[in-house]
Amino acid sequence: SGQAEVSQVLDELSRSTHESASLGVRQGDDVIVLLRVESDEPLHFVRPPGTHVPMHTSAMGKALLAFGPEALHDAVRSIAPLVRLTDHTFTSVRRLEADLRTARDRGYTMVDEEQYLGLRSIGAPVLDESGTARAAVAIQGPVTRVTDDQVPVLADAVRVAAGRLQEVTAWHALLPV
């Protein structure tokens, strides 16, 4: 089935990176987690499907904003005010917009302790035929493993998984009605 294909892509992403992997879509000002595979490491981040996460503190949310249908300026303003969850959270529209522009240029998003202290995530958009993000995939892991030197390697794995998910139209069936 389609969901099995999507799960397989997330399984492989989680296995190859040793981090938890998620697929999500936008719902209002949040990302809703559709599918999730937990890391095989004893220390890992747990977030069940159905969880809602603020767009600006989520690597999936940032991917949906950065590669979404709206201009960055409008996309960021649409979710303001930006609620602070940690000292690292972007609460300035201008700073978040700059972060998303950087993400768009390099092809992946990052959340660096902006949602929870000690947690980093890397995300990439799942694009439709027109090149617009309709879903996003991300991995989440502790700062002790998702280190600066590991980020490029992990980001490549996330981007490859997002590309594979673009070929699998099945995730459409998982979208909340």
C-alpha atoms as a PDB file:
ATOM      1  CA  SER A   1       0.000   0.000   0.000  1.00  0.00           C
ATOM      2  CA  GLY A   2       0.975   3.637  -0.311  1.00  0.00           C
ATOM      3  CA  GLN A   3       1.296   4.135   3.426  1.00  0.00           C
ATOM      4  CA  ALA A   4       3.667   1.150   3.545  1.00  0.00           C
ATOM      5  CA  GLU A   5       5.876   2.846   0.913  1.00  0.00           C
ATOM      6  CA  VAL A   6       5.904   6.084   2.899  1.00  0.00           C
ATOM      7  CA  SER A   7       6.680   4.191   6.113  1.00  0.00           C
ATOM      8  CA  GLN A   8       9.521   2.390   4.358  1.00  0.00           C
ATOM      9  CA  VAL A   9      11.127   5.692   3.307  1.00  0.00           C
ATOM     10  CA  LEU A  10      10.868   6.987   6.901  1.00  0.00           C
ATOM     11  CA  ASP A  11      12.180   3.667   8.278  1.00  0.00           C
ATOM     12  CA  GLU A  12      15.233   3.836   6.028  1.00  0.00           C
ATOM     13  CA  LEU A  13      15.834   7.496   6.909  1.00  0.00           C
ATOM     14  CA  SER A  14      15.630   6.718  10.627  1.00  0.00           C
ATOM     15  CA  ARG A  15      17.834   3.632  10.310  1.00  0.00           C
ATOM     16  CA  SER A  16      20.515   5.396   8.256  1.00  0.00           C
ATOM     17  CA  THR A  17      20.658   8.489  10.506  1.00  0.00           C
ATOM     18  CA  HIS A  18      19.824   6.762  13.852  1.00  0.00           C
ATOM     19  CA  GLU A  19      17.370   9.595  14.519  1.00  0.00           C
ATOM     20  CA  SER A  20      13.574   9.760  14.736  1.00  0.00           C
ATOM     21  CA  ALA A  21      11.932  10.652  11.394  1.00  0.00           C
ATOM     22  CA  SER A  22       8.570  12.296  10.696  1.00  0.00           C
ATOM     23  CA  LEU A  23       6.286  13.287   7.841  1.00  0.00           C
ATOM     24  CA  GLY A  24       4.004  16.270   8.400  1.00  0.00           C
ATOM     25  CA  VAL A  25       1.683  18.747   6.726  1.00  0.00           C
ATOM     26  CA  ARG A  26       0.438  22.205   7.548  1.00  0.00           C
ATOM     27  CA  GLN A  27      -2.787  22.651   9.441  1.00  0.00           C
ATOM     28  CA  GLY A  28      -3.465  26.302  10.244  1.00  0.00           C
ATOM     29  CA  ASP A  29      -0.396  27.759  11.983  1.00  0.00           C
ATOM     30  CA  ASP A  30       0.843  24.292  12.965  1.00  0.00           C
ATOM     31  CA  VAL A  31       2.429  21.230  11.482  1.00  0.00           C
ATOM     32  CA  ILE A  32       0.561  18.023  12.191  1.00  0.00           C
ATOM     33  CA  VAL A  33       2.650  14.845  12.359  1.00  0.00           C
ATOM     34  CA  LEU A  34       1.168  12.250   9.973  1.00  0.00           C
ATOM     35  CA  LEU A  35       3.683   9.422  10.255  1.00  0.00           C
ATOM     36  CA  ARG A  36       6.572   8.815  12.582  1.00  0.00           C
ATOM     37  CA  VAL A  37       9.422   6.338  13.065  1.00  0.00           C
ATOM     38  CA  GLU A  38      11.335   6.393  16.360  1.00  0.00           C
ATOM     39  CA  SER A  39      15.122   6.284  16.531  1.00  0.00           C
ATOM     40  CA  ASP A  40      16.812   3.029  17.534  1.00  0.00           C
ATOM     41  CA  GLU A  41      19.016   4.975  19.983  1.00  0.00           C
ATOM     42  CA  PRO A  42      18.150   4.820  23.718  1.00  0.00           C
ATOM     43  CA  LEU A  43      18.127   8.637  23.884  1.00  0.00           C
ATOM     44  CA  HIS A  44      15.606   9.834  21.309  1.00  0.00           C
ATOM     45  CA  PHE A  45      12.780  12.273  20.772  1.00  0.00           C
ATOM     46  CA  VAL A  46       9.220  10.912  20.876  1.00  0.00           C
ATOM     47  CA  ARG A  47       6.357  12.651  19.087  1.00  0.00           C
ATOM     48  CA  PRO A  48       3.275  10.583  18.189  1.00  0.00           C
ATOM     49  CA  PRO A  49       1.303  11.038  14.952  1.00  0.00           C
ATOM     50  CA  GLY A  50      -1.437  13.616  15.390  1.00  0.00           C
ATOM     51  CA  THR A  51       0.806  15.949  17.407  1.00  0.00           C
ATOM     52  CA  HIS A  52       0.527  19.642  16.469  1.00  0.00           C
ATOM     53  CA  VAL A  53       3.727  21.729  16.464  1.00  0.00           C
ATOM     54  CA  PRO A  54       4.060  25.502  15.836  1.00  0.00           C
ATOM     55  CA  MET A  55       5.378  26.074  12.281  1.00  0.00           C
ATOM     56  CA  HIS A  56       8.241  28.369  13.309  1.00  0.00           C
ATOM     57  CA  THR A  57       9.722  25.904  15.844  1.00  0.00           C
ATOM     58  CA  SER A  58       9.594  22.859  13.570  1.00  0.00           C
ATOM     59  CA  ALA A  59      11.984  21.832  10.778  1.00  0.00           C
ATOM     60  CA  MET A  60       8.945  20.485   8.889  1.00  0.00           C
ATOM     61  CA  GLY A  61       7.080  23.745   9.494  1.00  0.00           C
ATOM     62  CA  LYS A  62      10.013  25.794   8.267  1.00  0.00           C
ATOM     63  CA  ALA A  63      10.220  23.609   5.122  1.00  0.00           C
ATOM     64  CA  LEU A  64       6.510  24.150   4.467  1.00  0.00           C
ATOM     65  CA  LEU A  65       6.972  27.917   4.873  1.00  0.00           C
ATOM     66  CA  ALA A  66      10.254  28.230   2.956  1.00  0.00           C
ATOM     67  CA  PHE A  67       9.079  26.155  -0.010  1.00  0.00           C
ATOM     68  CA  GLY A  68       5.364  26.941   0.232  1.00  0.00           C
ATOM     69  CA  PRO A  69       3.070  28.763  -2.197  1.00  0.00           C
ATOM     70  CA  GLU A  70       3.353  32.194  -0.525  1.00  0.00           C
ATOM     71  CA  ALA A  71       6.157  34.747  -0.663  1.00  0.00           C
ATOM     72  CA  LEU A  72       8.382  34.315   2.427  1.00  0.00           C
ATOM     73  CA  HIS A  73       7.356  37.690   3.811  1.00  0.00           C
ATOM     74  CA  ASP A  74       3.647  36.786   3.605  1.00  0.00           C
ATOM     75  CA  ALA A  75       4.202  33.214   4.824  1.00  0.00           C
ATOM     76  CA  VAL A  76       5.965  34.412   7.987  1.00  0.00           C
ATOM     77  CA  ARG A  77       3.437  37.169   8.649  1.00  0.00           C
ATOM     78  CA  SER A  78       0.605  34.634   8.315  1.00  0.00           C
ATOM     79  CA  ILE A  79       1.823  32.765  11.438  1.00  0.00           C
ATOM     80  CA  ALA A  80       2.770  35.814  13.554  1.00  0.00           C
ATOM     81  CA  PRO A  81       2.987  36.445  16.470  1.00  0.00           C
ATOM     82  CA  LEU A  82       5.860  33.974  16.889  1.00  0.00           C
ATOM     83  CA  VAL A  83       5.576  32.396  20.340  1.00  0.00           C
ATOM     84  CA  ARG A  84       8.851  31.898  22.261  1.00  0.00           C
ATOM     85  CA  LEU A  85       9.369  28.294  23.420  1.00  0.00           C
ATOM     86  CA  THR A  86      13.080  28.581  24.333  1.00  0.00           C
ATOM     87  CA  ASP A  87      15.742  31.301  24.325  1.00  0.00           C
ATOM     88  CA  HIS A  88      16.649  30.102  20.810  1.00  0.00           C
ATOM     89  CA  THR A  89      13.158  30.488  19.273  1.00  0.00           C
ATOM     90  CA  PHE A  90      12.895  33.008  16.428  1.00  0.00           C
ATOM     91  CA  THR A  91      10.337  35.569  17.632  1.00  0.00           C
ATOM     92  CA  SER A  92      11.258  38.276  15.105  1.00  0.00           C
ATOM     93  CA  VAL A  93       9.492  38.038  11.734  1.00  0.00           C
ATOM     94  CA  ARG A  94      12.591  39.506  10.055  1.00  0.00           C
ATOM     95  CA  ARG A  95      14.967  36.931  11.606  1.00  0.00           C
ATOM     96  CA  LEU A  96      12.696  34.006  10.766  1.00  0.00           C
ATOM     97  CA  GLU A  97      12.358  35.259   7.187  1.00  0.00           C
ATOM     98  CA  ALA A  98      16.178  35.437   6.887  1.00  0.00           C
ATOM     99  CA  ASP A  99      16.474  31.905   8.317  1.00  0.00           C
ATOM    100  CA  LEU A 100      13.941  30.608   5.760  1.00  0.00           C
ATOM    101  CA  ARG A 101      15.734  32.362   2.888  1.00  0.00           C
ATOM    102  CA  THR A 102      18.983  30.616   3.909  1.00  0.00           C
ATOM    103  CA  ALA A 103      17.110  27.305   4.144  1.00  0.00           C
ATOM    104  CA  ARG A 104      15.659  27.768   0.665  1.00  0.00           C
ATOM    105  CA  ASP A 105      19.116  28.446  -0.763  1.00  0.00           C
ATOM    106  CA  ARG A 106      20.674  25.321   0.777  1.00  0.00           C
ATOM    107  CA  GLY A 107      17.642  23.050   0.307  1.00  0.00           C
ATOM    108  CA  TYR A 108      16.972  22.095   3.934  1.00  0.00           C
ATOM    109  CA  THR A 109      15.726  23.653   7.170  1.00  0.00           C
ATOM    110  CA  MET A 110      17.091  23.455  10.658  1.00  0.00           C
ATOM    111  CA  VAL A 111      15.722  23.952  14.144  1.00  0.00           C
ATOM    112  CA  ASP A 112      18.505  24.427  16.669  1.00  0.00           C
ATOM    113  CA  GLU A 113      17.035  24.136  20.188  1.00  0.00           C
ATOM    114  CA  GLU A 114      14.204  26.479  19.113  1.00  0.00           C
ATOM    115  CA  GLN A 115      11.486  24.121  20.371  1.00  0.00           C
ATOM    116  CA  TYR A 116      13.199  22.148  23.146  1.00  0.00           C
ATOM    117  CA  LEU A 117      16.639  22.684  24.651  1.00  0.00           C
ATOM    118  CA  GLY A 118      18.982  19.879  23.628  1.00  0.00           C
ATOM    119  CA  LEU A 119      17.018  19.014  20.460  1.00  0.00           C
ATOM    120  CA  ARG A 120      17.976  19.716  16.852  1.00  0.00           C
ATOM    121  CA  SER A 121      15.952  18.879  13.742  1.00  0.00           C
ATOM    122  CA  ILE A 122      16.631  18.953  10.022  1.00  0.00           C
ATOM    123  CA  GLY A 123      13.810  19.101   7.485  1.00  0.00           C
ATOM    124  CA  ALA A 124      13.157  19.149   3.751  1.00  0.00           C
ATOM    125  CA  PRO A 125      10.069  19.791   1.640  1.00  0.00           C
ATOM    126  CA  VAL A 126       8.090  17.147  -0.231  1.00  0.00           C
ATOM    127  CA  LEU A 127       7.233  19.093  -3.388  1.00  0.00           C
ATOM    128  CA  ASP A 128       4.314  18.709  -5.773  1.00  0.00           C
ATOM    129  CA  GLU A 129       4.522  18.933  -9.588  1.00  0.00           C
ATOM    130  CA  SER A 130       4.659  22.749  -9.409  1.00  0.00           C
ATOM    131  CA  GLY A 131       7.614  22.715  -6.980  1.00  0.00           C
ATOM    132  CA  THR A 132       5.509  23.748  -3.967  1.00  0.00           C
ATOM    133  CA  ALA A 133       5.849  22.044  -0.580  1.00  0.00           C
ATOM    134  CA  ARG A 134       2.738  20.003   0.216  1.00  0.00           C
ATOM    135  CA  ALA A 135       4.330  17.998   3.027  1.00  0.00           C
ATOM    136  CA  ALA A 136       7.688  17.897   4.774  1.00  0.00           C
ATOM    137  CA  VAL A 137       9.993  15.284   6.226  1.00  0.00           C
ATOM    138  CA  ALA A 138      12.396  15.764   9.130  1.00  0.00           C
ATOM    139  CA  ILE A 139      14.645  14.026  11.596  1.00  0.00           C
ATOM    140  CA  GLN A 140      14.948  15.027  15.254  1.00  0.00           C
ATOM    141  CA  GLY A 141      17.831  14.203  17.555  1.00  0.00           C
ATOM    142  CA  PRO A 142      19.895  15.384  20.506  1.00  0.00           C
ATOM    143  CA  VAL A 143      22.544  18.075  19.975  1.00  0.00           C
ATOM    144  CA  THR A 144      25.123  15.518  21.099  1.00  0.00           C
ATOM    145  CA  ARG A 145      24.521  13.496  17.886  1.00  0.00           C
ATOM    146  CA  VAL A 146      23.199  16.148  15.497  1.00  0.00           C
ATOM    147  CA  THR A 147      26.508  18.023  15.643  1.00  0.00           C
ATOM    148  CA  ASP A 148      27.654  20.766  13.266  1.00  0.00           C
ATOM    149  CA  ASP A 149      29.925  18.367  11.383  1.00  0.00           C
ATOM    150  CA  GLN A 150      27.105  15.802  11.063  1.00  0.00           C
ATOM    151  CA  VAL A 151      24.507  18.299   9.783  1.00  0.00           C
ATOM    152  CA  PRO A 152      25.531  18.188   6.071  1.00  0.00           C
ATOM    153  CA  VAL A 153      25.475  14.363   6.036  1.00  0.00           C
ATOM    154  CA  LEU A 154      22.142  14.191   7.859  1.00  0.00           C
ATOM    155  CA  ALA A 155      20.670  16.954   5.672  1.00  0.00           C
ATOM    156  CA  ASP A 156      21.609  14.973   2.543  1.00  0.00           C
ATOM    157  CA  ALA A 157      19.791  11.928   3.919  1.00  0.00           C
ATOM    158  CA  VAL A 158      16.682  14.026   4.684  1.00  0.00           C
ATOM    159  CA  ARG A 159      16.709  15.614   1.205  1.00  0.00           C
ATOM    160  CA  VAL A 160      17.042  12.190  -0.458  1.00  0.00           C
ATOM    161  CA  ALA A 161      14.097  10.884   1.599  1.00  0.00           C
ATOM    162  CA  ALA A 162      12.006  13.953   0.653  1.00  0.00           C
ATOM    163  CA  GLY A 163      12.828  13.330  -3.018  1.00  0.00           C
ATOM    164  CA  ARG A 164      11.773   9.698  -2.704  1.00  0.00           C
ATOM    165  CA  LEU A 165       8.507  10.748  -1.041  1.00  0.00           C
ATOM    166  CA  GLN A 166       7.772  13.058  -3.991  1.00  0.00           C
ATOM    167  CA  GLU A 167       7.628   9.911  -6.133  1.00  0.00           C
ATOM    168  CA  VAL A 168       5.168   8.289  -3.712  1.00  0.00           C
ATOM    169  CA  THR A 169       1.816  10.024  -4.073  1.00  0.00           C
ATOM    170  CA  ALA A 170       0.411   7.891  -1.256  1.00  0.00           C
ATOM    171  CA  TRP A 171       1.082  10.461   1.444  1.00  0.00           C
ATOM    172  CA  HIS A 172      -1.829  12.459  -0.039  1.00  0.00           C
ATOM    173  CA  ALA A 173      -4.110   9.761   1.350  1.00  0.00           C
ATOM    174  CA  LEU A 174      -2.747  10.473   4.832  1.00  0.00           C
ATOM    175  CA  LEU A 175      -3.690  14.145   4.715  1.00  0.00           C
ATOM    176  CA  PRO A 176      -6.140  15.256   7.395  1.00  0.00           C
ATOM    177  CA  VAL A 177      -9.548  15.986   5.875  1.00  0.00           C
END
